[in-house]
N, C-alpha and C. Protein backbone atom coordinates (compact mmCIF):
# COMPACT_ATOMS: atom_id res chain seq x y z
N MET A 1 39.45 49.44 45.20
CA MET A 1 39.76 49.80 43.89
C MET A 1 38.89 50.41 43.26
N GLY A 2 37.72 49.31 43.30
CA GLY A 2 36.57 49.52 41.95
C GLY A 2 36.14 49.93 40.89
N GLY A 3 37.50 49.54 40.36
CA GLY A 3 37.41 49.96 38.92
C GLY A 3 37.06 48.38 37.89
N VAL A 4 36.39 48.69 36.73
CA VAL A 4 35.82 47.53 36.29
C VAL A 4 36.72 47.11 34.54
N SER A 5 37.91 47.28 34.49
CA SER A 5 38.66 46.75 34.10
C SER A 5 39.06 45.23 34.16
N SER A 6 39.10 44.50 32.81
CA SER A 6 39.40 43.03 33.33
C SER A 6 40.39 42.41 32.53
N SER A 7 40.80 41.43 32.83
CA SER A 7 41.46 41.02 31.82
C SER A 7 42.28 39.39 32.17
N SER A 8 42.53 38.72 31.17
CA SER A 8 42.48 37.24 31.41
C SER A 8 44.06 36.61 30.54
N PHE A 9 44.29 35.57 31.17
CA PHE A 9 45.84 35.28 30.77
C PHE A 9 45.74 33.68 30.57
N ASP A 10 46.15 33.17 29.26
CA ASP A 10 46.10 31.79 28.84
C ASP A 10 47.63 31.37 29.21
N ASN A 11 47.46 30.31 29.99
CA ASN A 11 48.81 29.79 30.32
C ASN A 11 49.37 28.98 29.44
N ASP A 12 48.71 28.30 28.46
CA ASP A 12 49.12 27.72 27.34
C ASP A 12 49.67 28.62 26.37
N THR A 13 49.68 29.85 25.71
CA THR A 13 49.88 30.66 24.88
C THR A 13 50.87 31.53 25.53
N GLY A 14 50.48 32.36 26.56
CA GLY A 14 51.33 33.25 27.46
C GLY A 14 50.59 34.61 27.18
N LEU A 15 49.44 34.49 26.20
CA LEU A 15 48.67 35.48 25.94
C LEU A 15 47.83 36.02 27.26
N TRP A 16 48.22 37.81 27.40
CA TRP A 16 47.66 38.31 28.33
C TRP A 16 46.99 39.24 27.66
N LYS A 17 45.59 39.48 27.65
CA LYS A 17 44.71 40.53 26.93
C LYS A 17 43.33 41.14 27.85
N GLY A 18 43.32 42.05 27.71
CA GLY A 18 41.94 42.55 28.37
C GLY A 18 41.45 44.06 27.70
N LYS A 19 40.42 44.39 28.46
CA LYS A 19 40.07 45.76 28.12
C LYS A 19 40.25 46.85 29.36
N VAL A 20 40.76 48.01 29.49
CA VAL A 20 41.14 49.14 30.46
C VAL A 20 39.98 49.90 30.18
N THR A 21 39.31 50.08 31.47
CA THR A 21 38.52 51.66 31.57
C THR A 21 38.64 52.17 32.60
N ASP A 22 38.40 53.55 32.67
CA ASP A 22 38.74 54.35 34.07
C ASP A 22 37.35 54.39 34.57
N THR A 23 35.98 53.77 34.23
CA THR A 23 34.93 53.85 35.03
C THR A 23 34.98 53.34 36.21
N ASN A 24 34.75 54.14 37.13
CA ASN A 24 34.60 53.51 38.81
C ASN A 24 35.98 53.89 39.40
N ASN A 25 36.81 54.77 38.80
CA ASN A 25 38.23 55.24 39.37
C ASN A 25 39.26 54.19 38.98
N GLY A 26 39.03 53.42 37.70
CA GLY A 26 39.73 52.38 37.42
C GLY A 26 40.79 52.66 36.46
N GLY A 27 41.49 52.29 35.93
CA GLY A 27 42.96 52.37 34.65
C GLY A 27 43.69 51.54 34.82
N PHE A 28 43.56 50.24 35.09
CA PHE A 28 44.88 49.38 34.98
C PHE A 28 44.24 48.04 35.23
N VAL A 29 45.30 47.38 34.50
CA VAL A 29 45.01 46.06 34.59
C VAL A 29 46.16 45.22 35.10
N GLY A 30 46.13 44.02 36.03
CA GLY A 30 47.40 43.47 36.13
C GLY A 30 47.21 41.69 36.32
N ILE A 31 48.31 41.36 36.16
CA ILE A 31 48.20 39.84 36.16
C ILE A 31 49.86 39.67 37.22
N ARG A 32 49.29 38.61 38.34
CA ARG A 32 50.42 37.99 39.32
C ARG A 32 50.46 36.84 39.40
N SER A 33 51.81 36.06 39.88
CA SER A 33 52.10 34.85 40.54
C SER A 33 51.56 34.61 41.84
N THR A 34 50.93 33.43 42.15
CA THR A 34 50.63 33.24 43.78
C THR A 34 51.72 32.90 44.29
N PRO A 35 52.59 33.66 45.02
CA PRO A 35 53.67 33.15 45.87
C PRO A 35 53.87 31.70 46.05
N SER A 36 54.50 30.88 45.78
CA SER A 36 54.67 29.74 45.59
C SER A 36 56.06 29.13 44.77
N PHE A 37 56.59 29.91 45.24
CA PHE A 37 58.30 29.59 44.80
C PHE A 37 58.69 30.47 45.05
N GLU A 38 60.07 30.16 45.46
CA GLU A 38 61.34 31.00 46.00
C GLU A 38 62.49 30.54 45.42
N TRP A 39 62.85 31.84 44.52
CA TRP A 39 64.10 32.05 43.78
C TRP A 39 65.10 32.62 44.28
N ASP A 40 66.27 31.93 44.46
CA ASP A 40 67.70 32.47 44.49
C ASP A 40 68.06 33.05 43.45
N MET A 41 68.04 34.63 43.34
CA MET A 41 68.62 34.89 42.00
C MET A 41 70.47 35.71 42.43
N ASN A 42 70.96 35.39 43.38
CA ASN A 42 72.20 35.99 43.86
C ASN A 42 73.32 35.95 42.89
N ALA A 43 73.14 34.59 41.85
CA ALA A 43 74.02 34.62 41.03
C ALA A 43 73.74 35.45 39.42
N CYS A 44 72.32 35.78 39.69
CA CYS A 44 71.74 36.73 38.63
C CYS A 44 72.27 37.95 38.71
N THR A 45 72.22 39.12 37.58
CA THR A 45 72.09 40.65 37.44
C THR A 45 71.05 41.30 37.08
N GLY A 46 69.94 40.54 36.42
CA GLY A 46 68.81 40.83 36.16
C GLY A 46 67.69 39.48 35.52
N MET A 47 66.64 40.23 34.48
CA MET A 47 65.71 39.16 34.11
C MET A 47 65.62 39.65 32.45
N GLN A 48 65.12 38.60 31.90
CA GLN A 48 65.02 38.82 30.26
C GLN A 48 63.55 38.40 29.87
N LEU A 49 63.07 39.37 29.03
CA LEU A 49 61.69 38.88 28.50
C LEU A 49 61.75 38.84 27.24
N LYS A 50 61.10 37.68 26.56
CA LYS A 50 60.26 37.78 25.54
C LYS A 50 58.92 38.31 25.01
N VAL A 51 58.71 39.28 24.08
CA VAL A 51 57.27 39.33 24.33
C VAL A 51 56.74 39.94 22.97
N LYS A 52 55.77 39.78 22.90
CA LYS A 52 55.03 40.19 21.35
C LYS A 52 53.74 41.19 21.87
N SER A 53 53.13 42.18 21.25
CA SER A 53 51.94 42.68 21.20
C SER A 53 51.47 42.84 19.72
N SER A 54 50.25 42.87 19.10
CA SER A 54 49.53 43.34 18.33
C SER A 54 49.13 44.06 18.26
N SER A 55 49.45 45.05 19.24
CA SER A 55 49.06 46.88 19.44
C SER A 55 49.76 47.70 18.32
N PRO A 56 48.83 48.36 17.27
CA PRO A 56 49.62 49.06 16.22
C PRO A 56 50.44 50.32 17.27
N LYS A 57 50.00 50.73 18.39
CA LYS A 57 50.51 51.40 18.57
C LYS A 57 51.73 51.17 20.30
N THR A 58 52.46 51.81 20.48
CA THR A 58 53.41 51.49 21.72
C THR A 58 52.59 51.48 22.77
N GLN A 59 52.55 50.81 23.66
CA GLN A 59 51.94 50.15 24.98
C GLN A 59 53.19 50.17 25.93
N ARG A 60 53.07 50.91 27.33
CA ARG A 60 53.92 50.84 28.21
C ARG A 60 53.57 49.56 29.47
N PHE A 61 53.98 48.93 29.97
CA PHE A 61 53.84 48.04 30.77
C PHE A 61 54.77 48.13 32.13
N LYS A 62 54.62 47.65 32.90
CA LYS A 62 55.44 47.18 34.13
C LYS A 62 55.95 45.59 34.52
N PHE A 63 56.95 45.40 34.64
CA PHE A 63 57.03 44.12 34.80
C PHE A 63 58.03 44.29 36.13
N VAL A 64 57.13 43.48 37.01
CA VAL A 64 57.68 43.72 38.62
C VAL A 64 57.95 42.31 39.28
N LEU A 65 58.73 42.60 39.98
CA LEU A 65 59.59 41.50 40.70
C LEU A 65 59.49 41.51 42.13
N ARG A 66 58.87 40.51 43.16
CA ARG A 66 58.48 40.78 44.50
C ARG A 66 59.40 39.79 45.12
N ASP A 67 60.20 40.68 46.52
CA ASP A 67 60.98 39.71 47.18
C ASP A 67 60.12 39.56 48.47
N SER A 68 59.03 39.77 48.93
CA SER A 68 58.40 39.13 50.08
C SER A 68 57.09 39.26 49.59
N THR A 69 56.34 38.09 50.31
CA THR A 69 54.82 37.61 50.35
C THR A 69 53.83 38.45 50.70
N ASP A 70 54.37 39.57 51.33
CA ASP A 70 53.04 40.50 51.60
C ASP A 70 52.47 41.22 50.35
N PHE A 71 51.19 40.83 50.27
CA PHE A 71 50.41 41.37 49.11
C PHE A 71 50.63 42.46 48.41
N ASN A 72 50.37 43.61 49.31
CA ASN A 72 50.78 45.24 48.80
C ASN A 72 51.97 45.34 49.62
N GLY A 73 53.19 44.93 49.64
CA GLY A 73 54.41 45.32 50.13
C GLY A 73 55.14 45.87 48.56
N VAL A 74 56.52 46.27 49.36
CA VAL A 74 57.22 46.65 48.37
C VAL A 74 57.07 46.07 46.67
N SER A 75 57.22 46.54 45.37
CA SER A 75 57.35 45.86 44.20
C SER A 75 58.54 46.48 43.43
N TRP A 76 59.31 45.61 43.00
CA TRP A 76 60.22 46.16 42.04
C TRP A 76 60.20 46.21 40.82
N THR A 77 59.76 47.31 40.34
CA THR A 77 59.17 47.69 39.21
C THR A 77 60.22 48.16 37.86
N THR A 78 59.57 47.79 36.71
CA THR A 78 60.50 48.61 35.57
C THR A 78 59.37 48.65 34.38
N SER A 79 59.00 49.73 34.10
CA SER A 79 58.45 50.16 32.96
C SER A 79 59.18 49.54 31.21
N ILE A 80 58.33 49.16 30.67
CA ILE A 80 58.84 48.18 29.42
C ILE A 80 58.02 49.17 28.55
N ASP A 81 58.66 49.24 27.12
CA ASP A 81 57.82 49.50 26.04
C ASP A 81 57.48 48.43 24.89
N VAL A 82 56.20 48.14 24.44
CA VAL A 82 56.31 47.20 23.89
C VAL A 82 55.16 47.42 22.40
N GLY A 83 55.61 46.81 21.15
CA GLY A 83 55.08 47.11 20.14
C GLY A 83 54.75 48.45 19.51
N GLY A 84 53.88 48.72 18.30
CA GLY A 84 53.72 49.70 17.57
C GLY A 84 55.47 50.21 16.74
N SER A 85 55.47 51.17 16.08
CA SER A 85 56.54 51.32 15.21
C SER A 85 57.80 51.79 15.98
N ASN A 86 57.67 52.22 17.29
CA ASN A 86 58.85 52.57 18.12
C ASN A 86 58.86 51.58 19.31
N SER A 87 59.34 50.66 19.26
CA SER A 87 59.46 49.34 20.03
C SER A 87 60.62 49.40 21.20
N VAL A 88 61.57 50.08 20.59
CA VAL A 88 62.50 50.17 21.26
C VAL A 88 62.84 51.44 22.88
N MET A 89 63.12 51.12 23.85
CA MET A 89 63.00 51.74 24.96
C MET A 89 64.33 51.57 25.67
N ASN A 90 65.11 52.74 25.69
CA ASN A 90 66.36 53.22 26.26
C ASN A 90 67.15 51.67 25.69
N LEU A 91 68.07 51.55 26.91
CA LEU A 91 69.08 50.05 26.47
C LEU A 91 68.45 48.89 26.93
N PHE A 92 67.22 48.81 27.55
CA PHE A 92 66.58 47.65 27.79
C PHE A 92 65.73 46.94 26.91
N THR A 93 65.61 47.32 25.51
CA THR A 93 64.99 46.52 24.95
C THR A 93 65.51 46.81 23.35
N SER A 94 64.89 45.41 22.80
CA SER A 94 65.66 45.16 21.21
C SER A 94 64.90 44.75 20.38
N PRO A 95 64.04 44.96 19.17
CA PRO A 95 63.17 44.75 18.32
C PRO A 95 63.69 43.62 17.88
N GLU A 96 62.93 42.44 17.49
CA GLU A 96 63.28 41.28 16.73
C GLU A 96 62.52 40.93 15.59
N ASN A 97 62.67 40.15 14.96
CA ASN A 97 61.76 39.67 13.49
C ASN A 97 60.57 39.28 14.19
N SER A 98 59.45 39.42 13.31
CA SER A 98 58.00 38.91 13.79
C SER A 98 57.52 39.43 14.88
N GLY A 99 57.96 40.81 15.10
CA GLY A 99 57.04 41.37 16.47
C GLY A 99 57.73 40.95 17.50
N VAL A 100 58.73 40.35 18.07
CA VAL A 100 59.11 39.94 19.08
C VAL A 100 60.14 41.17 19.69
N THR A 101 59.92 41.29 20.80
CA THR A 101 60.85 42.16 21.66
C THR A 101 61.70 41.33 22.53
N THR A 102 62.76 41.85 22.99
CA THR A 102 63.53 41.14 24.01
C THR A 102 63.99 42.51 24.74
N ILE A 103 63.90 42.13 26.09
CA ILE A 103 63.82 43.25 26.86
C ILE A 103 64.53 42.87 28.36
N LYS A 104 65.86 43.15 28.37
CA LYS A 104 66.63 43.36 29.41
C LYS A 104 66.40 44.24 30.74
N ILE A 105 66.03 43.59 31.76
CA ILE A 105 66.06 44.16 33.23
C ILE A 105 67.18 44.09 34.18
N PRO A 106 67.99 45.08 34.28
CA PRO A 106 69.05 44.52 35.22
C PRO A 106 68.26 45.22 36.44
N PHE A 107 68.71 44.28 37.73
CA PHE A 107 68.37 44.28 38.92
C PHE A 107 68.42 45.57 39.27
N ASP A 108 69.65 46.00 39.22
CA ASP A 108 70.09 47.75 39.76
C ASP A 108 69.20 48.61 39.44
N LYS A 109 68.45 48.48 38.10
CA LYS A 109 67.73 49.68 37.57
C LYS A 109 66.33 49.77 37.89
N GLN A 110 65.70 48.32 38.70
CA GLN A 110 64.34 48.16 39.29
C GLN A 110 64.36 49.60 40.16
N VAL A 111 62.94 49.93 40.02
CA VAL A 111 62.21 51.06 40.95
C VAL A 111 61.48 50.41 41.80
N PRO A 112 61.64 50.48 43.23
CA PRO A 112 60.83 49.90 44.41
C PRO A 112 59.61 51.22 44.63
N THR A 113 58.43 50.39 44.25
CA THR A 113 57.17 51.11 44.53
C THR A 113 56.26 50.42 45.42
N ILE A 114 55.28 51.13 45.84
CA ILE A 114 54.02 50.78 46.36
C ILE A 114 52.73 51.26 45.44
N PHE A 115 52.24 50.74 44.65
CA PHE A 115 50.78 50.93 44.36
C PHE A 115 51.43 52.37 43.10
N ALA A 116 52.41 52.56 42.55
CA ALA A 116 53.12 53.26 41.52
C ALA A 116 53.59 54.73 42.42
N ARG A 117 53.91 54.39 43.46
CA ARG A 117 54.31 55.41 44.40
C ARG A 117 55.76 54.70 44.57
N THR A 118 56.95 55.54 44.16
CA THR A 118 58.24 54.95 44.86
C THR A 118 58.54 55.08 46.19
N VAL A 119 59.22 54.51 46.47
CA VAL A 119 59.37 54.00 48.09
C VAL A 119 60.84 54.16 48.21
N PRO A 120 61.44 55.06 49.06
CA PRO A 120 63.19 55.28 49.22
C PRO A 120 63.39 54.32 50.03
N ASN A 121 64.83 54.20 50.32
CA ASN A 121 65.55 53.32 50.82
C ASN A 121 65.23 51.90 51.01
N GLN A 122 64.71 51.39 50.00
CA GLN A 122 64.92 49.71 49.95
C GLN A 122 65.68 49.07 49.27
N THR A 123 65.73 47.72 49.44
CA THR A 123 67.02 46.89 49.23
C THR A 123 66.43 45.88 48.63
N PHE A 124 66.71 45.27 47.02
CA PHE A 124 66.33 44.33 46.69
C PHE A 124 66.67 42.91 46.96
N GLU A 125 66.40 41.78 48.06
CA GLU A 125 66.53 40.70 48.06
C GLU A 125 66.72 39.88 47.36
N LYS A 126 67.59 39.66 46.37
CA LYS A 126 67.72 38.85 45.17
C LYS A 126 67.75 37.25 45.57
N SER A 127 67.97 36.84 46.75
CA SER A 127 68.14 35.56 47.56
C SER A 127 66.52 35.23 47.50
N ASN A 128 65.49 36.02 47.55
CA ASN A 128 64.13 35.86 48.10
C ASN A 128 63.21 36.19 47.23
N VAL A 129 63.30 36.24 45.70
CA VAL A 129 62.38 36.25 44.69
C VAL A 129 61.18 35.37 44.65
N VAL A 130 59.97 35.88 45.21
CA VAL A 130 58.83 34.98 45.51
C VAL A 130 57.74 35.32 44.37
N GLY A 131 57.59 36.66 43.61
CA GLY A 131 56.79 36.62 42.77
C GLY A 131 56.75 37.18 41.29
N VAL A 132 56.14 37.08 40.63
CA VAL A 132 56.14 38.17 39.24
C VAL A 132 54.78 38.56 38.91
N GLN A 133 54.94 39.75 38.18
CA GLN A 133 54.22 40.70 37.70
C GLN A 133 53.73 41.15 36.42
N LEU A 134 52.47 41.73 36.08
CA LEU A 134 52.88 42.57 34.93
C LEU A 134 51.88 43.35 35.03
N THR A 135 51.75 44.70 34.55
CA THR A 135 50.58 45.76 35.21
C THR A 135 50.56 46.52 33.49
N TYR A 136 49.32 46.91 33.48
CA TYR A 136 49.40 48.21 32.52
C TYR A 136 48.35 48.93 32.84
N SER A 137 48.73 50.14 33.32
CA SER A 137 48.23 51.07 34.39
C SER A 137 48.09 52.96 33.31
N LYS A 138 47.43 53.35 33.73
CA LYS A 138 47.25 54.73 33.47
C LYS A 138 48.53 55.59 33.78
N PHE A 139 49.09 55.07 34.94
CA PHE A 139 49.89 55.97 35.88
C PHE A 139 51.20 55.30 35.61
N GLU A 140 52.46 56.10 35.51
CA GLU A 140 53.61 55.82 35.47
C GLU A 140 54.28 55.77 37.04
N TYR A 141 54.65 56.62 37.61
CA TYR A 141 55.26 56.75 39.09
C TYR A 141 55.02 58.07 39.76
N ASP A 142 54.82 57.73 40.71
CA ASP A 142 54.21 59.37 41.62
C ASP A 142 53.18 60.45 40.92
N GLY A 143 52.19 59.77 40.67
CA GLY A 143 51.12 60.47 39.87
C GLY A 143 51.67 60.92 38.60
N ASP A 144 52.64 60.67 38.22
CA ASP A 144 52.75 61.15 36.63
C ASP A 144 51.92 59.83 35.58
N LEU A 145 51.50 60.58 34.75
CA LEU A 145 50.89 59.39 33.65
C LEU A 145 51.64 58.88 32.44
N ASN A 146 51.39 58.11 32.44
CA ASN A 146 51.78 56.74 31.57
C ASN A 146 51.82 57.43 29.98
N PRO A 147 52.68 57.85 29.51
CA PRO A 147 52.52 58.13 28.00
C PRO A 147 52.36 57.16 27.37
N ASN A 148 52.31 56.29 27.36
CA ASN A 148 51.84 55.16 26.09
C ASN A 148 51.11 54.02 26.96
N PHE A 149 50.01 54.81 27.34
CA PHE A 149 48.50 54.14 27.86
C PHE A 149 47.51 54.73 27.07
N SER A 150 46.48 53.73 26.88
CA SER A 150 45.25 54.33 26.23
C SER A 150 44.13 53.39 27.07
N LEU A 151 42.99 54.00 27.01
CA LEU A 151 42.18 53.03 27.61
C LEU A 151 41.44 52.19 26.26
N GLY A 152 40.86 50.99 26.42
CA GLY A 152 40.55 50.25 25.32
C GLY A 152 41.26 48.83 25.52
N ASP A 153 41.20 48.07 24.40
CA ASP A 153 41.75 46.83 24.50
C ASP A 153 43.15 47.04 24.90
N MET A 154 43.97 45.58 25.32
CA MET A 154 45.39 45.92 25.50
C MET A 154 45.90 44.12 24.83
N ASP A 155 47.19 43.90 24.82
CA ASP A 155 47.07 42.54 24.88
C ASP A 155 49.12 42.50 24.71
N LEU A 156 49.51 41.64 25.55
CA LEU A 156 50.82 41.12 25.49
C LEU A 156 51.36 39.64 25.47
N GLN A 157 51.89 39.62 24.47
CA GLN A 157 52.20 37.62 24.76
C GLN A 157 53.66 37.48 25.24
N LEU A 158 53.39 36.99 26.53
CA LEU A 158 54.89 36.45 27.34
C LEU A 158 55.26 35.28 26.61
N LEU A 159 56.35 35.34 25.92
CA LEU A 159 57.03 34.01 25.50
C LEU A 159 57.95 33.79 26.27
N GLU A 160 58.81 34.37 26.97
CA GLU A 160 59.62 33.38 27.55
C GLU A 160 60.30 34.74 28.89
N VAL A 161 60.65 34.50 30.01
CA VAL A 161 61.08 34.87 30.90
C VAL A 161 62.06 33.98 31.52
N SER A 162 62.98 34.95 31.67
CA SER A 162 64.82 34.07 32.23
C SER A 162 65.49 35.13 32.82
N ALA A 163 66.09 34.60 33.54
CA ALA A 163 67.21 35.46 34.56
C ALA A 163 68.94 35.13 33.88
N TYR A 164 69.22 36.18 34.16
CA TYR A 164 70.65 36.49 33.29
C TYR A 164 71.74 36.82 34.32
C-alpha cells in the first residue's frame, strides 16, 4: 500500500489515535484484533459500541467484523459517525452526556467488503466471528470518498464493545 499514516492503540484506556496522510497513496489508518478467538453470535442480532472522540468535527469510521481468518478476506463493515456537534448518524447512533456515543450495529445492516469495495452475494457467519477491526479512511465504498474524513490527527476512544 505504501502510505505513511500511523496510529497507536492503548489497551489500558481504549484510546486509538494517529495521524493520517495521503503521501505515497495513503489515506487511512486501521487497527484489528489478531484472530485468536471464535465467537458464536447466533443468539445475537448485532453489536453495540460506546465510543468518544475529542475531534471538534464529525469523523466517519468503519467498524468491521470478520468471520474468516483470511487476512484480506471479506469484511463485514458499518460506517459510523462520531464526534463534532452532529454525532448522530441514522438509527444506529445516539449521543449521550460527556461526549460518549452509543452505536448499535445490526448484523443485517453490515456491508460485505474487501478493501472498501462491496462484495455481492455474501453471507455473514454469525457462528464464527474471529476478528474485530476499526478503520478511518478517505474512502467510503466503491470509490466514493468519505464525506466526514480529513487528513491529519484523528482519535477514537473505544469504551465498550458488546453484542446484543
